[in-house]
Amino acid sequence: MSIGLNGISAPGASYPIRTTPSGSTEASAKDDFLKYAKMTPAEKIREEILKKMGLTEEALAGMPQKELEKINQAIKEKIEELVKQGREKVVGAFADIKA
């Protein structure tokens, strides 16, 4: 289940419902935020790529080594592509200065 403000949630954000000791349920948005905030940029990119592939880290843990290597290679290539795109957008934006 996904909960967002006014029916709108951040891309890829999900807020699982959990039961509190009193028996009520509440979203763990704070926990999700803290987990996301502690992630490195590479971890955030990896998570987003896995999500687009319909996978999770838990699903990867149970995969055969060959399949895992293929997926990790695809993720590596996607990250390299994103880095290259980022550099192309920045170079020459104001001035292309090299020391």
C-alpha atoms as a PDB file:
ATOM      1  CA  MET A   1       0.000   0.000   0.000  1.00  0.00           C
ATOM      2  CA  SER A   2       1.273   3.473  -0.813  1.00  0.00           C
ATOM      3  CA  ILE A   3       0.246   6.624   1.017  1.00  0.00           C
ATOM      4  CA  GLY A   4       0.969  10.149  -0.152  1.00  0.00           C
ATOM      5  CA  LEU A   5      -0.121  13.687   0.556  1.00  0.00           C
ATOM      6  CA  ASN A   6      -3.384  14.346  -1.242  1.00  0.00           C
ATOM      7  CA  GLY A   7      -2.926  11.104  -3.149  1.00  0.00           C
ATOM      8  CA  ILE A   8       0.456  12.161  -4.510  1.00  0.00           C
ATOM      9  CA  SER A   9       3.625  10.413  -3.458  1.00  0.00           C
ATOM     10  CA  ALA A  10       7.261  10.805  -4.377  1.00  0.00           C
ATOM     11  CA  PRO A  11       8.484   8.623  -7.237  1.00  0.00           C
ATOM     12  CA  GLY A  12       9.378   5.228  -5.890  1.00  0.00           C
ATOM     13  CA  ALA A  13       8.250   6.056  -2.370  1.00  0.00           C
ATOM     14  CA  SER A  14       6.251   3.489  -0.541  1.00  0.00           C
ATOM     15  CA  TYR A  15       5.079   3.607   2.996  1.00  0.00           C
ATOM     16  CA  PRO A  16       4.338   0.157   4.342  1.00  0.00           C
ATOM     17  CA  ILE A  17       1.630  -0.077   6.944  1.00  0.00           C
ATOM     18  CA  ARG A  18       2.691  -1.582  10.255  1.00  0.00           C
ATOM     19  CA  THR A  19       0.876  -2.479  13.426  1.00  0.00           C
ATOM     20  CA  THR A  20       1.732  -0.580  16.601  1.00  0.00           C
ATOM     21  CA  PRO A  21       1.714  -2.152  20.072  1.00  0.00           C
ATOM     22  CA  SER A  22      -1.769  -0.715  20.617  1.00  0.00           C
ATOM     23  CA  GLY A  23      -3.019  -2.619  17.559  1.00  0.00           C
ATOM     24  CA  SER A  24      -3.500   0.400  15.283  1.00  0.00           C
ATOM     25  CA  THR A  25      -1.636   0.806  12.011  1.00  0.00           C
ATOM     26  CA  GLU A  26       0.597   3.659  10.918  1.00  0.00           C
ATOM     27  CA  ALA A  27       2.772   4.436   7.936  1.00  0.00           C
ATOM     28  CA  SER A  28       6.510   4.261   8.434  1.00  0.00           C
ATOM     29  CA  ALA A  29       7.227   7.381   6.385  1.00  0.00           C
ATOM     30  CA  LYS A  30       9.739   8.595   8.956  1.00  0.00           C
ATOM     31  CA  ASP A  31      11.618   5.288   8.844  1.00  0.00           C
ATOM     32  CA  ASP A  32      11.607   5.315   5.029  1.00  0.00           C
ATOM     33  CA  PHE A  33      12.859   8.893   4.977  1.00  0.00           C
ATOM     34  CA  LEU A  34      15.681   8.180   7.420  1.00  0.00           C
ATOM     35  CA  LYS A  35      16.701   5.069   5.484  1.00  0.00           C
ATOM     36  CA  TYR A  36      16.707   7.032   2.202  1.00  0.00           C
ATOM     37  CA  ALA A  37      18.578   9.990   3.724  1.00  0.00           C
ATOM     38  CA  LYS A  38      21.381   7.697   4.911  1.00  0.00           C
ATOM     39  CA  MET A  39      21.863   6.165   1.459  1.00  0.00           C
ATOM     40  CA  THR A  40      24.775   7.205  -0.741  1.00  0.00           C
ATOM     41  CA  PRO A  41      23.994   8.586  -4.220  1.00  0.00           C
ATOM     42  CA  ALA A  42      25.130   5.273  -5.729  1.00  0.00           C
ATOM     43  CA  GLU A  43      22.790   3.329  -3.438  1.00  0.00           C
ATOM     44  CA  LYS A  44      19.891   5.608  -4.403  1.00  0.00           C
ATOM     45  CA  ILE A  45      20.598   5.103  -8.107  1.00  0.00           C
ATOM     46  CA  ARG A  46      20.933   1.339  -7.626  1.00  0.00           C
ATOM     47  CA  GLU A  47      17.624   1.164  -5.755  1.00  0.00           C
ATOM     48  CA  GLU A  48      15.860   3.169  -8.475  1.00  0.00           C
ATOM     49  CA  ILE A  49      17.277   0.966 -11.247  1.00  0.00           C
ATOM     50  CA  LEU A  50      16.279  -2.190  -9.383  1.00  0.00           C
ATOM     51  CA  LYS A  51      12.786  -0.786  -8.876  1.00  0.00           C
ATOM     52  CA  LYS A  52      12.477  -0.106 -12.624  1.00  0.00           C
ATOM     53  CA  MET A  53      13.564  -3.713 -13.217  1.00  0.00           C
ATOM     54  CA  GLY A  54      10.925  -4.895 -10.748  1.00  0.00           C
ATOM     55  CA  LEU A  55      13.556  -6.215  -8.327  1.00  0.00           C
ATOM     56  CA  THR A  56      14.643  -5.685  -4.738  1.00  0.00           C
ATOM     57  CA  GLU A  57      17.877  -6.384  -2.879  1.00  0.00           C
ATOM     58  CA  GLU A  58      16.043  -9.239  -1.155  1.00  0.00           C
ATOM     59  CA  ALA A  59      15.149 -10.777  -4.527  1.00  0.00           C
ATOM     60  CA  LEU A  60      18.769 -10.469  -5.663  1.00  0.00           C
ATOM     61  CA  ALA A  61      19.977 -12.331  -2.588  1.00  0.00           C
ATOM     62  CA  GLY A  62      18.154 -15.457  -3.724  1.00  0.00           C
ATOM     63  CA  MET A  63      19.257 -15.400  -7.361  1.00  0.00           C
ATOM     64  CA  PRO A  64      21.806 -17.694  -8.984  1.00  0.00           C
ATOM     65  CA  GLN A  65      25.270 -16.143  -9.303  1.00  0.00           C
ATOM     66  CA  LYS A  66      25.209 -15.912 -13.135  1.00  0.00           C
ATOM     67  CA  GLU A  67      21.897 -14.051 -13.163  1.00  0.00           C
ATOM     68  CA  LEU A  68      23.094 -11.773 -10.368  1.00  0.00           C
ATOM     69  CA  GLU A  69      26.239 -10.917 -12.345  1.00  0.00           C
ATOM     70  CA  LYS A  70      24.147 -10.006 -15.410  1.00  0.00           C
ATOM     71  CA  ILE A  71      21.913  -7.729 -13.354  1.00  0.00           C
ATOM     72  CA  ASN A  72      24.886  -6.078 -11.622  1.00  0.00           C
ATOM     73  CA  GLN A  73      26.507  -5.491 -15.019  1.00  0.00           C
ATOM     74  CA  ALA A  74      23.301  -3.899 -16.338  1.00  0.00           C
ATOM     75  CA  ILE A  75      23.159  -1.654 -13.261  1.00  0.00           C
ATOM     76  CA  LYS A  76      26.821  -0.682 -13.695  1.00  0.00           C
ATOM     77  CA  GLU A  77      26.217   0.233 -17.347  1.00  0.00           C
ATOM     78  CA  LYS A  78      23.144   2.296 -16.454  1.00  0.00           C
ATOM     79  CA  ILE A  79      25.046   4.188 -13.747  1.00  0.00           C
ATOM     80  CA  GLU A  80      27.895   4.902 -16.177  1.00  0.00           C
ATOM     81  CA  GLU A  81      25.348   6.147 -18.707  1.00  0.00           C
ATOM     82  CA  LEU A  82      23.748   8.445 -16.122  1.00  0.00           C
ATOM     83  CA  VAL A  83      27.151   9.810 -15.074  1.00  0.00           C
ATOM     84  CA  LYS A  84      28.057  10.459 -18.712  1.00  0.00           C
ATOM     85  CA  GLN A  85      24.741  12.237 -19.320  1.00  0.00           C
ATOM     86  CA  GLY A  86      25.303  14.367 -16.219  1.00  0.00           C
ATOM     87  CA  ARG A  87      28.741  15.409 -17.415  1.00  0.00           C
ATOM     88  CA  GLU A  88      27.442  16.308 -20.858  1.00  0.00           C
ATOM     89  CA  LYS A  89      24.812  18.581 -19.340  1.00  0.00           C
ATOM     90  CA  VAL A  90      27.300  20.371 -17.067  1.00  0.00           C
ATOM     91  CA  VAL A  91      30.227  20.849 -19.458  1.00  0.00           C
ATOM     92  CA  GLY A  92      30.020  24.244 -21.052  1.00  0.00           C
ATOM     93  CA  ALA A  93      26.923  25.298 -19.139  1.00  0.00           C
ATOM     94  CA  PHE A  94      28.598  28.566 -18.180  1.00  0.00           C
ATOM     95  CA  ALA A  95      32.217  28.188 -19.150  1.00  0.00           C
ATOM     96  CA  ASP A  96      34.337  25.165 -19.921  1.00  0.00           C
ATOM     97  CA  ILE A  97      37.342  25.925 -17.724  1.00  0.00           C
ATOM     98  CA  LYS A  98      40.174  23.477 -17.077  1.00  0.00           C
ATOM     99  CA  ALA A  99      43.012  24.039 -14.655  1.00  0.00           C
END
